[in-house]
Every structure is written in structure tokens, then in C-alpha cells.
Amino acid sequence: MPRPRGSEHTTLTQTAELLVHELKKQSGIKMIAPGIIDAKRSGKRYITAVYTSAGIHFIVSGTGVQKIAVHLTDATAGPKLVATLKNAKALKQFAWGERSHS
């Protein structure tokens, strides 16, 4: 199980909570770090995976916008993790996007 960053007091949006729940089931994750919630509203739920040198930053929008940083033991395994998450039953209803960090 990945170690939490700081205390476990960070609130998650509804969409981010579903994503983190699925991430905790996966192997190869060193840390999951939720970011600050931006109160902007969005009608449709989106999850965008941004590949970084340490792992993946997920930008989750729905009831609010929140970033979730995920540090991986092997950063090259990012695309495989995203493919697994896209096929997860709880996350199939979301629109997915992918891009590399530039």
C-alpha cells in the first residue's frame, strides 16, 4: 500500500475518491499525493493523465478540479497503469485524456 503524504486530512472530490480507491489496488505505487481542490464546476467528469519523470499527475475534474500526484517505482510503467485504470469498472464512465509533461 502506498504511503500517504503528510497527514490524511486532505479531502478528495467524488471523482478523485473513486480514482484513489482504484489506485490503492495497484502495485508499483510508492506514493499518492492529493492536491488542493479548485472549486470550478464542470458538468462532465474528466481524468487526464500527465506523465512525468516520477510517475503520473492525474488532473481530475467533475464536482471540482483536483490534481493527484502518483509516484511510481518504475516511471516507465505509467501507460500500463493508465490502461488498467481505464478498464476498471468504477472508472469506465469518465472521459480520459493523456499527455506527456513538457
PDB file of N, CA and C in Angstrom:
ATOM      1  N   MET A   1       0.852  -1.177   0.000  1.00  0.00           N
ATOM      2  CA  MET A   1       0.000   0.000   0.000  1.00  0.00           C
ATOM      3  C   MET A   1       0.891   1.230   0.000  1.00  0.00           C
ATOM      4  N   PRO A   2       0.565   2.223  -0.819  1.00  0.00           N
ATOM      5  CA  PRO A   2       1.386   3.430  -0.885  1.00  0.00           C
ATOM      6  C   PRO A   2       1.282   4.245   0.404  1.00  0.00           C
ATOM      7  N   ARG A   3       2.369   4.902   0.717  1.00  0.00           N
ATOM      8  CA  ARG A   3       2.349   5.709   1.940  1.00  0.00           C
ATOM      9  C   ARG A   3       1.686   7.052   1.656  1.00  0.00           C
ATOM     10  N   PRO A   4       0.924   7.573   2.629  1.00  0.00           N
ATOM     11  CA  PRO A   4       0.286   8.881   2.418  1.00  0.00           C
ATOM     12  C   PRO A   4       1.308  10.003   2.542  1.00  0.00           C
ATOM     13  N   ARG A   5       1.023  11.112   1.915  1.00  0.00           N
ATOM     14  CA  ARG A   5       1.882  12.292   2.000  1.00  0.00           C
ATOM     15  C   ARG A   5       1.350  13.166   3.122  1.00  0.00           C
ATOM     16  N   GLY A   6       2.163  13.384   4.132  1.00  0.00           N
ATOM     17  CA  GLY A   6       1.730  14.203   5.272  1.00  0.00           C
ATOM     18  C   GLY A   6       0.643  13.492   6.049  1.00  0.00           C
ATOM     19  N   SER A   7      -0.308  14.231   6.538  1.00  0.00           N
ATOM     20  CA  SER A   7      -1.440  13.659   7.251  1.00  0.00           C
ATOM     21  C   SER A   7      -2.477  13.190   6.257  1.00  0.00           C
ATOM     22  N   GLU A   8      -3.454  12.474   6.723  1.00  0.00           N
ATOM     23  CA  GLU A   8      -4.516  12.024   5.835  1.00  0.00           C
ATOM     24  C   GLU A   8      -5.730  12.928   5.962  1.00  0.00           C
ATOM     25  N   HIS A   9      -5.523  14.225   6.037  1.00  0.00           N
ATOM     26  CA  HIS A   9      -6.633  15.163   6.216  1.00  0.00           C
ATOM     27  C   HIS A   9      -7.097  15.798   4.905  1.00  0.00           C
ATOM     28  N   THR A  10      -6.414  15.521   3.815  1.00  0.00           N
ATOM     29  CA  THR A  10      -6.776  16.127   2.544  1.00  0.00           C
ATOM     30  C   THR A  10      -8.087  15.547   2.042  1.00  0.00           C
ATOM     31  N   THR A  11      -9.006  16.393   1.694  1.00  0.00           N
ATOM     32  CA  THR A  11     -10.295  15.982   1.172  1.00  0.00           C
ATOM     33  C   THR A  11     -10.157  15.650  -0.305  1.00  0.00           C
ATOM     34  N   LEU A  12     -10.945  14.694  -0.756  1.00  0.00           N
ATOM     35  CA  LEU A  12     -10.960  14.325  -2.164  1.00  0.00           C
ATOM     36  C   LEU A  12     -12.324  14.645  -2.752  1.00  0.00           C
ATOM     37  N   THR A  13     -12.347  15.052  -4.021  1.00  0.00           N
ATOM     38  CA  THR A  13     -13.625  15.213  -4.703  1.00  0.00           C
ATOM     39  C   THR A  13     -14.198  13.820  -4.934  1.00  0.00           C
ATOM     40  N   GLN A  14     -15.465  13.750  -5.326  1.00  0.00           N
ATOM     41  CA  GLN A  14     -16.091  12.447  -5.546  1.00  0.00           C
ATOM     42  C   GLN A  14     -15.368  11.662  -6.630  1.00  0.00           C
ATOM     43  N   THR A  15     -15.015  12.318  -7.706  1.00  0.00           N
ATOM     44  CA  THR A  15     -14.324  11.652  -8.808  1.00  0.00           C
ATOM     45  C   THR A  15     -12.920  11.221  -8.375  1.00  0.00           C
ATOM     46  N   ALA A  16     -12.199  12.084  -7.670  1.00  0.00           N
ATOM     47  CA  ALA A  16     -10.853  11.768  -7.209  1.00  0.00           C
ATOM     48  C   ALA A  16     -10.883  10.616  -6.206  1.00  0.00           C
ATOM     49  N   GLU A  17     -11.919  10.546  -5.402  1.00  0.00           N
ATOM     50  CA  GLU A  17     -12.038   9.461  -4.425  1.00  0.00           C
ATOM     51  C   GLU A  17     -12.146   8.108  -5.135  1.00  0.00           C
ATOM     52  N   LEU A  18     -12.901   8.056  -6.220  1.00  0.00           N
ATOM     53  CA  LEU A  18     -13.007   6.815  -6.993  1.00  0.00           C
ATOM     54  C   LEU A  18     -11.652   6.434  -7.605  1.00  0.00           C
ATOM     55  N   LEU A  19     -10.933   7.425  -8.118  1.00  0.00           N
ATOM     56  CA  LEU A  19      -9.625   7.180  -8.713  1.00  0.00           C
ATOM     57  C   LEU A  19      -8.636   6.670  -7.667  1.00  0.00           C
ATOM     58  N   VAL A  20      -8.564   7.319  -6.512  1.00  0.00           N
ATOM     59  CA  VAL A  20      -7.629   6.915  -5.454  1.00  0.00           C
ATOM     60  C   VAL A  20      -7.965   5.515  -4.950  1.00  0.00           C
ATOM     61  N   HIS A  21      -9.244   5.203  -4.850  1.00  0.00           N
ATOM     62  CA  HIS A  21      -9.660   3.869  -4.419  1.00  0.00           C
ATOM     63  C   HIS A  21      -9.113   2.805  -5.379  1.00  0.00           C
ATOM     64  N   GLU A  22      -9.176   3.067  -6.678  1.00  0.00           N
ATOM     65  CA  GLU A  22      -8.645   2.129  -7.672  1.00  0.00           C
ATOM     66  C   GLU A  22      -7.114   2.105  -7.656  1.00  0.00           C
ATOM     67  N   LEU A  23      -6.480   3.267  -7.425  1.00  0.00           N
ATOM     68  CA  LEU A  23      -5.021   3.327  -7.380  1.00  0.00           C
ATOM     69  C   LEU A  23      -4.457   2.495  -6.234  1.00  0.00           C
ATOM     70  N   LYS A  24      -5.146   2.483  -5.105  1.00  0.00           N
ATOM     71  CA  LYS A  24      -4.671   1.731  -3.935  1.00  0.00           C
ATOM     72  C   LYS A  24      -4.649   0.228  -4.191  1.00  0.00           C
ATOM     73  N   LYS A  25      -5.395  -0.239  -5.168  1.00  0.00           N
ATOM     74  CA  LYS A  25      -5.425  -1.663  -5.514  1.00  0.00           C
ATOM     75  C   LYS A  25      -4.238  -2.072  -6.385  1.00  0.00           C
ATOM     76  N   GLN A  26      -3.550  -1.106  -6.989  1.00  0.00           N
ATOM     77  CA  GLN A  26      -2.480  -1.377  -7.955  1.00  0.00           C
ATOM     78  C   GLN A  26      -1.137  -1.528  -7.252  1.00  0.00           C
ATOM     79  N   SER A  27      -0.252  -2.312  -7.857  1.00  0.00           N
ATOM     80  CA  SER A  27       1.103  -2.469  -7.323  1.00  0.00           C
ATOM     81  C   SER A  27       2.043  -1.496  -8.030  1.00  0.00           C
ATOM     82  N   GLY A  28       3.213  -1.282  -7.457  1.00  0.00           N
ATOM     83  CA  GLY A  28       4.218  -0.413  -8.071  1.00  0.00           C
ATOM     84  C   GLY A  28       4.045   1.056  -7.763  1.00  0.00           C
ATOM     85  N   ILE A  29       3.163   1.394  -6.817  1.00  0.00           N
ATOM     86  CA  ILE A  29       2.942   2.797  -6.462  1.00  0.00           C
ATOM     87  C   ILE A  29       3.643   3.088  -5.139  1.00  0.00           C
ATOM     88  N   LYS A  30       4.528   4.108  -5.154  1.00  0.00           N
ATOM     89  CA  LYS A  30       5.240   4.499  -3.942  1.00  0.00           C
ATOM     90  C   LYS A  30       4.434   5.472  -3.104  1.00  0.00           C
ATOM     91  N   MET A  31       3.758   6.420  -3.758  1.00  0.00           N
ATOM     92  CA  MET A  31       3.055   7.453  -3.002  1.00  0.00           C
ATOM     93  C   MET A  31       1.916   8.020  -3.833  1.00  0.00           C
ATOM     94  N   ILE A  32       0.813   8.333  -3.142  1.00  0.00           N
ATOM     95  CA  ILE A  32      -0.326   9.028  -3.738  1.00  0.00           C
ATOM     96  C   ILE A  32      -0.486  10.332  -2.969  1.00  0.00           C
ATOM     97  N   ALA A  33      -0.408  11.458  -3.668  1.00  0.00           N
ATOM     98  CA  ALA A  33      -0.452  12.768  -3.020  1.00  0.00           C
ATOM     99  C   ALA A  33      -1.568  13.623  -3.610  1.00  0.00           C
ATOM    100  N   PRO A  34      -2.720  13.721  -2.919  1.00  0.00           N
ATOM    101  CA  PRO A  34      -3.800  14.573  -3.426  1.00  0.00           C
ATOM    102  C   PRO A  34      -3.459  16.048  -3.292  1.00  0.00           C
ATOM    103  N   GLY A  35      -3.914  16.827  -4.245  1.00  0.00           N
ATOM    104  CA  GLY A  35      -3.671  18.265  -4.239  1.00  0.00           C
ATOM    105  C   GLY A  35      -4.886  19.042  -3.773  1.00  0.00           C
ATOM    106  N   ILE A  36      -4.788  20.342  -3.845  1.00  0.00           N
ATOM    107  CA  ILE A  36      -5.850  21.252  -3.414  1.00  0.00           C
ATOM    108  C   ILE A  36      -7.009  21.197  -4.405  1.00  0.00           C
ATOM    109  N   ILE A  37      -8.219  21.290  -3.892  1.00  0.00           N
ATOM    110  CA  ILE A  37      -9.416  21.274  -4.727  1.00  0.00           C
ATOM    111  C   ILE A  37      -9.716  22.688  -5.199  1.00  0.00           C
ATOM    112  N   ASP A  38      -9.875  22.842  -6.509  1.00  0.00           N
ATOM    113  CA  ASP A  38     -10.302  24.112  -7.092  1.00  0.00           C
ATOM    114  C   ASP A  38     -11.811  24.023  -7.258  1.00  0.00           C
ATOM    115  N   ALA A  39     -12.528  25.010  -6.814  1.00  0.00           N
ATOM    116  CA  ALA A  39     -13.994  24.959  -6.762  1.00  0.00           C
ATOM    117  C   ALA A  39     -14.685  25.139  -8.107  1.00  0.00           C
ATOM    118  N   LYS A  40     -13.930  25.212  -9.193  1.00  0.00           N
ATOM    119  CA  LYS A  40     -14.561  25.349 -10.501  1.00  0.00           C
ATOM    120  C   LYS A  40     -15.459  24.146 -10.767  1.00  0.00           C
ATOM    121  N   ARG A  41     -16.580  24.392 -11.357  1.00  0.00           N
ATOM    122  CA  ARG A  41     -17.535  23.318 -11.646  1.00  0.00           C
ATOM    123  C   ARG A  41     -17.399  22.872 -13.098  1.00  0.00           C
ATOM    124  N   SER A  42     -17.591  21.620 -13.303  1.00  0.00           N
ATOM    125  CA  SER A  42     -17.558  21.054 -14.641  1.00  0.00           C
ATOM    126  C   SER A  42     -18.702  20.064 -14.744  1.00  0.00           C
ATOM    127  N   GLY A  43     -19.431  20.073 -15.828  1.00  0.00           N
ATOM    128  CA  GLY A  43     -20.555  19.173 -15.976  1.00  0.00           C
ATOM    129  C   GLY A  43     -20.119  17.737 -16.160  1.00  0.00           C
ATOM    130  N   LYS A  44     -19.218  17.500 -17.105  1.00  0.00           N
ATOM    131  CA  LYS A  44     -18.770  16.153 -17.410  1.00  0.00           C
ATOM    132  C   LYS A  44     -17.529  15.823 -16.579  1.00  0.00           C
ATOM    133  N   ARG A  45     -17.353  14.567 -16.269  1.00  0.00           N
ATOM    134  CA  ARG A  45     -16.200  14.138 -15.476  1.00  0.00           C
ATOM    135  C   ARG A  45     -15.058  13.716 -16.401  1.00  0.00           C
ATOM    136  N   TYR A  46     -13.887  14.289 -16.158  1.00  0.00           N
ATOM    137  CA  TYR A  46     -12.692  14.012 -16.946  1.00  0.00           C
ATOM    138  C   TYR A  46     -11.562  13.580 -16.029  1.00  0.00           C
ATOM    139  N   ILE A  47     -10.723  12.687 -16.529  1.00  0.00           N
ATOM    140  CA  ILE A  47      -9.474  12.332 -15.867  1.00  0.00           C
ATOM    141  C   ILE A  47      -8.390  12.441 -16.929  1.00  0.00           C
ATOM    142  N   THR A  48      -7.411  13.306 -16.681  1.00  0.00           N
ATOM    143  CA  THR A  48      -6.296  13.474 -17.609  1.00  0.00           C
ATOM    144  C   THR A  48      -5.029  12.978 -16.926  1.00  0.00           C
ATOM    145  N   ALA A  49      -4.311  12.076 -17.569  1.00  0.00           N
ATOM    146  CA  ALA A  49      -3.049  11.555 -17.048  1.00  0.00           C
ATOM    147  C   ALA A  49      -1.905  12.314 -17.702  1.00  0.00           C
ATOM    148  N   VAL A  50      -1.072  12.940 -16.889  1.00  0.00           N
ATOM    149  CA  VAL A  50       0.102  13.670 -17.378  1.00  0.00           C
ATOM    150  C   VAL A  50       1.327  12.896 -16.899  1.00  0.00           C
ATOM    151  N   TYR A  51       2.079  12.324 -17.838  1.00  0.00           N
ATOM    152  CA  TYR A  51       3.246  11.519 -17.491  1.00  0.00           C
ATOM    153  C   TYR A  51       4.421  12.414 -17.127  1.00  0.00           C
ATOM    154  N   THR A  52       5.057  12.119 -15.994  1.00  0.00           N
ATOM    155  CA  THR A  52       6.214  12.878 -15.518  1.00  0.00           C
ATOM    156  C   THR A  52       7.376  11.914 -15.298  1.00  0.00           C
ATOM    157  N   SER A  53       8.532  12.446 -14.925  1.00  0.00           N
ATOM    158  CA  SER A  53       9.700  11.594 -14.682  1.00  0.00           C
ATOM    159  C   SER A  53       9.540  10.754 -13.411  1.00  0.00           C
ATOM    160  N   ALA A  54       8.692  11.177 -12.491  1.00  0.00           N
ATOM    161  CA  ALA A  54       8.485  10.434 -11.242  1.00  0.00           C
ATOM    162  C   ALA A  54       7.281   9.501 -11.305  1.00  0.00           C
ATOM    163  N   GLY A  55       6.396   9.705 -12.269  1.00  0.00           N
ATOM    164  CA  GLY A  55       5.193   8.886 -12.348  1.00  0.00           C
ATOM    165  C   GLY A  55       4.120   9.566 -13.164  1.00  0.00           C
ATOM    166  N   ILE A  56       2.985   9.833 -12.519  1.00  0.00           N
ATOM    167  CA  ILE A  56       1.842  10.415 -13.217  1.00  0.00           C
ATOM    168  C   ILE A  56       1.174  11.466 -12.340  1.00  0.00           C
ATOM    169  N   HIS A  57       0.747  12.564 -12.940  1.00  0.00           N
ATOM    170  CA  HIS A  57      -0.153  13.517 -12.289  1.00  0.00           C
ATOM    171  C   HIS A  57      -1.505  13.337 -12.951  1.00  0.00           C
ATOM    172  N   PHE A  58      -2.508  13.031 -12.152  1.00  0.00           N
ATOM    173  CA  PHE A  58      -3.863  12.937 -12.678  1.00  0.00           C
ATOM    174  C   PHE A  58      -4.566  14.256 -12.413  1.00  0.00           C
ATOM    175  N   ILE A  59      -5.177  14.838 -13.422  1.00  0.00           N
ATOM    176  CA  ILE A  59      -5.992  16.031 -13.266  1.00  0.00           C
ATOM    177  C   ILE A  59      -7.430  15.545 -13.352  1.00  0.00           C
ATOM    178  N   VAL A  60      -8.133  15.645 -12.229  1.00  0.00           N
ATOM    179  CA  VAL A  60      -9.465  15.081 -12.112  1.00  0.00           C
ATOM    180  C   VAL A  60     -10.472  16.215 -12.030  1.00  0.00           C
ATOM    181  N   SER A  61     -11.454  16.222 -12.933  1.00  0.00           N
ATOM    182  CA  SER A  61     -12.488  17.245 -12.878  1.00  0.00           C
ATOM    183  C   SER A  61     -13.852  16.578 -12.865  1.00  0.00           C
ATOM    184  N   GLY A  62     -14.770  17.243 -12.266  1.00  0.00           N
ATOM    185  CA  GLY A  62     -16.140  16.749 -12.113  1.00  0.00           C
ATOM    186  C   GLY A  62     -16.870  17.736 -11.224  1.00  0.00           C
ATOM    187  N   THR A  63     -16.972  17.431  -9.944  1.00  0.00           N
ATOM    188  CA  THR A  63     -17.590  18.356  -8.997  1.00  0.00           C
ATOM    189  C   THR A  63     -16.629  19.469  -8.613  1.00  0.00           C
ATOM    190  N   GLY A  64     -15.379  19.320  -8.918  1.00  0.00           N
ATOM    191  CA  GLY A  64     -14.322  20.302  -8.696  1.00  0.00           C
ATOM    192  C   GLY A  64     -13.111  19.816  -9.462  1.00  0.00           C
ATOM    193  N   VAL A  65     -12.046  20.578  -9.470  1.00  0.00           N
ATOM    194  CA  VAL A  65     -10.825  20.163 -10.157  1.00  0.00           C
ATOM    195  C   VAL A  65      -9.763  19.897  -9.106  1.00  0.00           C
ATOM    196  N   GLN A  66      -9.113  18.727  -9.202  1.00  0.00           N
ATOM    197  CA  GLN A  66      -8.097  18.350  -8.233  1.00  0.00           C
ATOM    198  C   GLN A  66      -6.994  17.572  -8.939  1.00  0.00           C
ATOM    199  N   LYS A  67      -5.749  17.816  -8.524  1.00  0.00           N
ATOM    200  CA  LYS A  67      -4.615  17.059  -9.055  1.00  0.00           C
ATOM    201  C   LYS A  67      -4.234  15.977  -8.053  1.00  0.00           C
ATOM    202  N   ILE A  68      -3.908  14.808  -8.576  1.00  0.00           N
ATOM    203  CA  ILE A  68      -3.445  13.693  -7.754  1.00  0.00           C
ATOM    204  C   ILE A  68      -2.086  13.284  -8.310  1.00  0.00           C
ATOM    205  N   ALA A  69      -1.026  13.440  -7.512  1.00  0.00           N
ATOM    206  CA  ALA A  69       0.308  13.029  -7.932  1.00  0.00           C
ATOM    207  C   ALA A  69       0.525  11.585  -7.502  1.00  0.00           C
ATOM    208  N   VAL A  70       1.002  10.773  -8.418  1.00  0.00           N
ATOM    209  CA  VAL A  70       1.261   9.361  -8.133  1.00  0.00           C
ATOM    210  C   VAL A  70       2.713   9.079  -8.487  1.00  0.00           C
ATOM    211  N   HIS A  71       3.512   8.701  -7.482  1.00  0.00           N
ATOM    212  CA  HIS A  71       4.915   8.360  -7.700  1.00  0.00           C
ATOM    213  C   HIS A  71       5.002   6.852  -7.866  1.00  0.00           C
ATOM    214  N   LEU A  72       5.664   6.423  -8.933  1.00  0.00           N
ATOM    215  CA  LEU A  72       5.768   5.004  -9.257  1.00  0.00           C
ATOM    216  C   LEU A  72       7.173   4.483  -8.981  1.00  0.00           C
ATOM    217  N   THR A  73       7.282   3.186  -8.684  1.00  0.00           N
ATOM    218  CA  THR A  73       8.599   2.576  -8.516  1.00  0.00           C
ATOM    219  C   THR A  73       9.325   2.514  -9.851  1.00  0.00           C
ATOM    220  N   ASP A  74       8.573   2.350 -10.944  1.00  0.00           N
ATOM    221  CA  ASP A  74       9.127   2.354 -12.294  1.00  0.00           C
ATOM    222  C   ASP A  74       8.307   3.341 -13.125  1.00  0.00           C
ATOM    223  N   ALA A  75       8.856   4.516 -13.391  1.00  0.00           N
ATOM    224  CA  ALA A  75       8.112   5.574 -14.084  1.00  0.00           C
ATOM    225  C   ALA A  75       7.702   5.188 -15.499  1.00  0.00           C
ATOM    226  N   THR A  76       8.376   4.208 -16.097  1.00  0.00           N
ATOM    227  CA  THR A  76       8.010   3.783 -17.448  1.00  0.00           C
ATOM    228  C   THR A  76       6.744   2.923 -17.454  1.00  0.00           C
ATOM    229  N   ALA A  77       6.270   2.518 -16.294  1.00  0.00           N
ATOM    230  CA  ALA A  77       5.057   1.693 -16.196  1.00  0.00           C
ATOM    231  C   ALA A  77       3.788   2.541 -16.183  1.00  0.00           C
ATOM    232  N   GLY A  78       3.918   3.848 -16.356  1.00  0.00           N
ATOM    233  CA  GLY A  78       2.772   4.757 -16.320  1.00  0.00           C
ATOM    234  C   GLY A  78       1.681   4.431 -17.322  1.00  0.00           C
ATOM    235  N   PRO A  79       2.018   4.263 -18.610  1.00  0.00           N
ATOM    236  CA  PRO A  79       0.978   3.951 -19.602  1.00  0.00           C
ATOM    237  C   PRO A  79       0.228   2.648 -19.303  1.00  0.00           C
ATOM    238  N   LYS A  80       0.938   1.660 -18.769  1.00  0.00           N
ATOM    239  CA  LYS A  80       0.293   0.392 -18.420  1.00  0.00           C
ATOM    240  C   LYS A  80      -0.694   0.598 -17.261  1.00  0.00           C
ATOM    241  N   LEU A  81      -0.306   1.408 -16.273  1.00  0.00           N
ATOM    242  CA  LEU A  81      -1.188   1.699 -15.148  1.00  0.00           C
ATOM    243  C   LEU A  81      -2.442   2.433 -15.621  1.00  0.00           C
ATOM    244  N   VAL A  82      -2.278   3.404 -16.503  1.00  0.00           N
ATOM    245  CA  VAL A  82      -3.418   4.166 -17.022  1.00  0.00           C
ATOM    246  C   VAL A  82      -4.358   3.243 -17.802  1.00  0.00           C
ATOM    247  N   ALA A  83      -3.804   2.343 -18.602  1.00  0.00           N
ATOM    248  CA  ALA A  83      -4.641   1.391 -19.349  1.00  0.00           C
ATOM    249  C   ALA A  83      -5.445   0.505 -18.400  1.00  0.00           C
ATOM    250  N   THR A  84      -4.827   0.091 -17.307  1.00  0.00           N
ATOM    251  CA  THR A  84      -5.521  -0.720 -16.306  1.00  0.00           C
ATOM    252  C   THR A  84      -6.640   0.078 -15.651  1.00  0.00           C
ATOM    253  N   LEU A  85      -6.368   1.341 -15.332  1.00  0.00           N
ATOM    254  CA  LEU A  85      -7.386   2.177 -14.693  1.00  0.00           C
ATOM    255  C   LEU A  85      -8.555   2.466 -15.635  1.00  0.00           C
ATOM    256  N   LYS A  86      -8.267   2.656 -16.914  1.00  0.00           N
ATOM    257  CA  LYS A  86      -9.335   2.909 -17.891  1.00  0.00           C
ATOM    258  C   LYS A  86     -10.305   1.738 -17.970  1.00  0.00           C
ATOM    259  N   ASN A  87      -9.795   0.527 -17.746  1.00  0.00           N
ATOM    260  CA  ASN A  87     -10.633  -0.666 -17.812  1.00  0.00           C
ATOM    261  C   ASN A  87     -11.294  -1.016 -16.489  1.00  0.00           C
ATOM    262  N   ALA A  88     -10.966  -0.283 -15.421  1.00  0.00           N
ATOM    263  CA  ALA A  88     -11.591  -0.544 -14.120  1.00  0.00           C
ATOM    264  C   ALA A  88     -13.076  -0.198 -14.198  1.00  0.00           C
ATOM    265  N   LYS A  89     -13.898  -1.052 -13.649  1.00  0.00           N
ATOM    266  CA  LYS A  89     -15.354  -0.884 -13.727  1.00  0.00           C
ATOM    267  C   LYS A  89     -15.809   0.463 -13.169  1.00  0.00           C
ATOM    268  N   ALA A  90     -15.227   0.894 -12.066  1.00  0.00           N
ATOM    269  CA  ALA A  90     -15.638   2.138 -11.416  1.00  0.00           C
ATOM    270  C   ALA A  90     -15.241   3.390 -12.202  1.00  0.00           C
ATOM    271  N   LEU A  91     -14.287   3.271 -13.132  1.00  0.00           N
ATOM    272  CA  LEU A  91     -13.775   4.447 -13.844  1.00  0.00           C
ATOM    273  C   LEU A  91     -14.126   4.464 -15.329  1.00  0.00           C
ATOM    274  N   LYS A  92     -14.904   3.513 -15.803  1.00  0.00           N
ATOM    275  CA  LYS A  92     -15.244   3.449 -17.232  1.00  0.00           C
ATOM    276  C   LYS A  92     -16.154   4.589 -17.680  1.00  0.00           C
ATOM    277  N   GLN A  93     -16.891   5.182 -16.766  1.00  0.00           N
ATOM    278  CA  GLN A  93     -17.853   6.230 -17.127  1.00  0.00           C
ATOM    279  C   GLN A  93     -17.201   7.590 -17.369  1.00  0.00           C
ATOM    280  N   PHE A  94     -15.906   7.721 -17.116  1.00  0.00           N
ATOM    281  CA  PHE A  94     -15.225   9.000 -17.239  1.00  0.00           C
ATOM    282  C   PHE A  94     -14.538   9.142 -18.581  1.00  0.00           C
ATOM    283  N   ALA A  95     -14.445  10.387 -19.066  1.00  0.00           N
ATOM    284  CA  ALA A  95     -13.676  10.688 -20.283  1.00  0.00           C
ATOM    285  C   ALA A  95     -12.206  10.781 -19.889  1.00  0.00           C
ATOM    286  N   TRP A  96     -11.351  10.105 -20.628  1.00  0.00           N
ATOM    287  CA  TRP A  96      -9.920  10.046 -20.312  1.00  0.00           C
ATOM    288  C   TRP A  96      -9.105  10.822 -21.347  1.00  0.00           C
ATOM    289  N   GLY A  97      -8.037  11.427 -20.883  1.00  0.00           N
ATOM    290  CA  GLY A  97      -7.068  12.088 -21.745  1.00  0.00           C
ATOM    291  C   GLY A  97      -5.670  11.762 -21.254  1.00  0.00           C
ATOM    292  N   GLU A  98      -4.702  11.815 -22.153  1.00  0.00           N
ATOM    293  CA  GLU A  98      -3.310  11.547 -21.775  1.00  0.00           C
ATOM    294  C   GLU A  98      -2.405  12.550 -22.463  1.00  0.00           C
ATOM    295  N   ARG A  99      -1.335  12.927 -21.757  1.00  0.00           N
ATOM    296  CA  ARG A  99      -0.322  13.784 -22.370  1.00  0.00           C
ATOM    297  C   ARG A  99       0.972  13.638 -21.594  1.00  0.00           C
ATOM    298  N   SER A 100       2.074  14.037 -22.211  1.00  0.00           N
ATOM    299  CA  SER A 100       3.358  13.962 -21.531  1.00  0.00           C
ATOM    300  C   SER A 100       3.693  15.335 -20.954  1.00  0.00           C
ATOM    301  N   HIS A 101       4.425  15.341 -19.874  1.00  0.00           N
ATOM    302  CA  HIS A 101       4.838  16.573 -19.208  1.00  0.00           C
ATOM    303  C   HIS A 101       5.865  17.273 -20.072  1.00  0.00           C
ATOM    304  N   SER A 102       5.658  18.541 -20.326  1.00  0.00           N
ATOM    305  CA  SER A 102       6.624  19.270 -21.164  1.00  0.00           C
ATOM    306  C   SER A 102       7.159  20.482 -20.464  1.00  0.00           C
TER     307      SER A 102
END
